[in-house]
Amino acid sequence: LYFSAQDGILLFYHIKDLQYEMKVCAEISQPISSLIFSPDYASLLLVTDQGPVYSYKPAHSGEAVKLLDTCSSCFLAADFLTPGNKYCVSVTISGEVQVWFLEDGTCLSKLNLDIEVHI
C-alpha cells in the first residue's frame, strides 16, 4: 500500500496477515494530491498541489524524479496514456490539457479548453 500525507512524504506499507512494516520511499517537500500507477505498475506518478509532477519507480527504490513543472497554472490531475508508460496527459486548473513524453518531460501537445477545471 502506497500512501502520502500533506507533508509530501511517500510511504509504503507492507502488510502481511496482522503485521505491517512502514518504509519512507521519497520526500518531495510539497503536498501530494494524487498517486497514479502506470498500467504495468513499474512507475508511480506523484501529482503535487503546487504544480510539479514526479515519478517514482518502486522496483528501484530510488528518489522521486521531477518530470513536469508548470509556470502558469498548477496541474490538477495527470494520468498515463495507455498502452505503456512513456506518455502522460495532464490538465491544469486553467483548462490546459497537455500530452507529455515522460523520458525527458517534453510537452508534445496542448489543447486549451478555455474554461477553469475543477474536480
Protein backbone atom coordinates (compact mmCIF):
# COMPACT_ATOMS: atom_id res chain seq x y z
CA LEU A 1 0.00 0.00 0.00
CA TYR A 2 1.44 3.39 -1.04
CA PHE A 3 0.30 6.40 0.91
CA SER A 4 1.08 10.10 1.14
CA ALA A 5 0.00 12.76 3.59
CA GLN A 6 0.09 16.56 3.41
CA ASP A 7 3.81 16.61 4.27
CA GLY A 8 4.90 15.37 0.80
CA ILE A 9 6.34 12.07 2.03
CA LEU A 10 5.57 8.92 0.04
CA LEU A 11 5.16 5.93 2.36
CA PHE A 12 4.94 2.22 1.61
CA TYR A 13 3.13 -0.15 3.97
CA HIS A 14 3.95 -3.83 3.54
CA ILE A 15 1.03 -5.70 5.12
CA LYS A 16 1.09 -9.43 5.80
CA ASP A 17 -1.53 -11.07 7.99
CA LEU A 18 -1.77 -8.89 11.11
CA GLN A 19 1.75 -7.47 10.77
CA TYR A 20 2.84 -4.41 8.85
CA GLU A 21 6.08 -2.63 8.10
CA MET A 22 6.32 1.03 7.06
CA LYS A 23 9.03 2.45 4.79
CA VAL A 24 9.64 6.06 3.67
CA CYS A 25 10.10 5.91 -0.11
CA ALA A 26 10.53 9.55 -1.10
CA GLU A 27 10.30 13.07 0.27
CA ILE A 28 9.38 15.86 -2.13
CA SER A 29 8.51 18.59 0.43
CA GLN A 30 5.28 19.51 -1.38
CA PRO A 31 1.80 18.19 -0.60
CA ILE A 32 0.92 15.28 -2.92
CA SER A 33 -2.62 15.49 -4.28
CA SER A 34 -2.74 12.15 -6.11
CA LEU A 35 -0.82 8.93 -6.81
CA ILE A 36 -1.28 7.13 -10.14
CA PHE A 37 0.32 3.81 -11.10
CA SER A 38 1.33 3.11 -14.70
CA PRO A 39 -0.56 0.24 -16.37
CA ASP A 40 2.39 -2.13 -15.79
CA TYR A 41 2.88 -0.88 -12.18
CA ALA A 42 6.52 0.00 -12.93
CA SER A 43 6.10 3.74 -12.25
CA LEU A 44 4.08 5.87 -9.90
CA LEU A 45 3.15 9.46 -10.79
CA LEU A 46 3.03 11.86 -7.84
CA VAL A 47 0.94 14.95 -8.61
CA THR A 48 1.52 17.85 -6.20
CA ASP A 49 -0.75 20.68 -5.10
CA GLN A 50 1.82 23.26 -6.19
CA GLY A 51 2.30 22.15 -9.79
CA PRO A 52 5.16 19.70 -10.35
CA VAL A 53 4.62 16.03 -11.22
CA TYR A 54 7.17 13.47 -10.01
CA SER A 55 7.89 9.87 -10.96
CA TYR A 56 8.82 7.12 -8.51
CA LYS A 57 9.88 3.62 -9.59
CA PRO A 58 9.05 1.16 -6.77
CA ALA A 59 11.34 -1.59 -8.09
CA HIS A 60 14.35 0.75 -7.98
CA SER A 61 13.55 2.27 -4.55
CA GLY A 62 15.26 5.49 -5.55
CA GLU A 63 14.35 9.13 -5.28
CA ALA A 64 11.27 10.66 -6.82
CA VAL A 65 12.30 12.48 -10.01
CA LYS A 66 10.62 15.70 -11.12
CA LEU A 67 9.17 15.06 -14.57
CA LEU A 68 6.95 18.01 -15.28
CA ASP A 69 6.59 21.52 -13.98
CA THR A 70 4.21 24.28 -14.85
CA CYS A 71 4.76 28.01 -14.81
CA SER A 72 1.35 29.48 -15.44
CA SER A 73 -1.05 27.12 -13.69
CA CYS A 74 -0.93 24.14 -11.34
CA PHE A 75 -1.62 20.62 -12.54
CA LEU A 76 -4.99 19.46 -11.32
CA ALA A 77 -4.58 15.86 -12.46
CA ALA A 78 -2.33 13.62 -14.54
CA ASP A 79 -2.50 10.04 -15.76
CA PHE A 80 -0.60 7.64 -18.00
CA LEU A 81 -1.68 7.20 -21.61
CA THR A 82 -2.05 3.52 -22.39
CA PRO A 83 -0.73 1.21 -23.62
CA GLY A 84 2.65 1.55 -21.96
CA ASN A 85 4.05 4.17 -19.64
CA LYS A 86 6.00 6.52 -21.92
CA TYR A 87 3.37 9.26 -22.14
CA CYS A 88 1.02 11.00 -19.78
CA VAL A 89 -1.78 13.52 -20.09
CA SER A 90 -2.33 16.35 -17.64
CA VAL A 91 -4.87 19.08 -17.08
CA THR A 92 -4.25 22.38 -15.33
CA ILE A 93 -6.68 24.42 -13.27
CA SER A 94 -6.80 26.97 -16.11
CA GLY A 95 -8.09 24.27 -18.51
CA GLU A 96 -4.97 23.42 -20.48
CA VAL A 97 -4.74 19.73 -21.46
CA GLN A 98 -1.19 18.56 -22.26
CA VAL A 99 0.42 15.36 -23.51
CA TRP A 100 3.95 14.70 -22.20
CA PHE A 101 6.81 12.38 -23.13
CA LEU A 102 7.95 11.11 -19.72
CA GLU A 103 11.53 10.21 -20.68
CA ASP A 104 12.59 13.86 -20.78
CA GLY A 105 9.48 15.87 -19.81
CA THR A 106 8.86 17.20 -23.33
CA CYS A 107 5.40 18.63 -23.91
CA LEU A 108 4.18 17.04 -27.16
CA SER A 109 0.77 18.64 -27.49
CA LYS A 110 -1.53 21.19 -25.83
CA LEU A 111 -5.20 21.98 -26.02
CA ASN A 112 -6.76 24.91 -24.19
CA LEU A 113 -10.34 24.19 -23.10
CA ASP A 114 -10.96 27.90 -22.34
CA ILE A 115 -12.65 27.02 -19.06
CA GLU A 116 -11.48 26.64 -15.48
CA VAL A 117 -11.33 22.98 -14.45
CA HIS A 118 -12.46 21.58 -11.07
CA ILE A 119 -12.55 18.09 -9.65
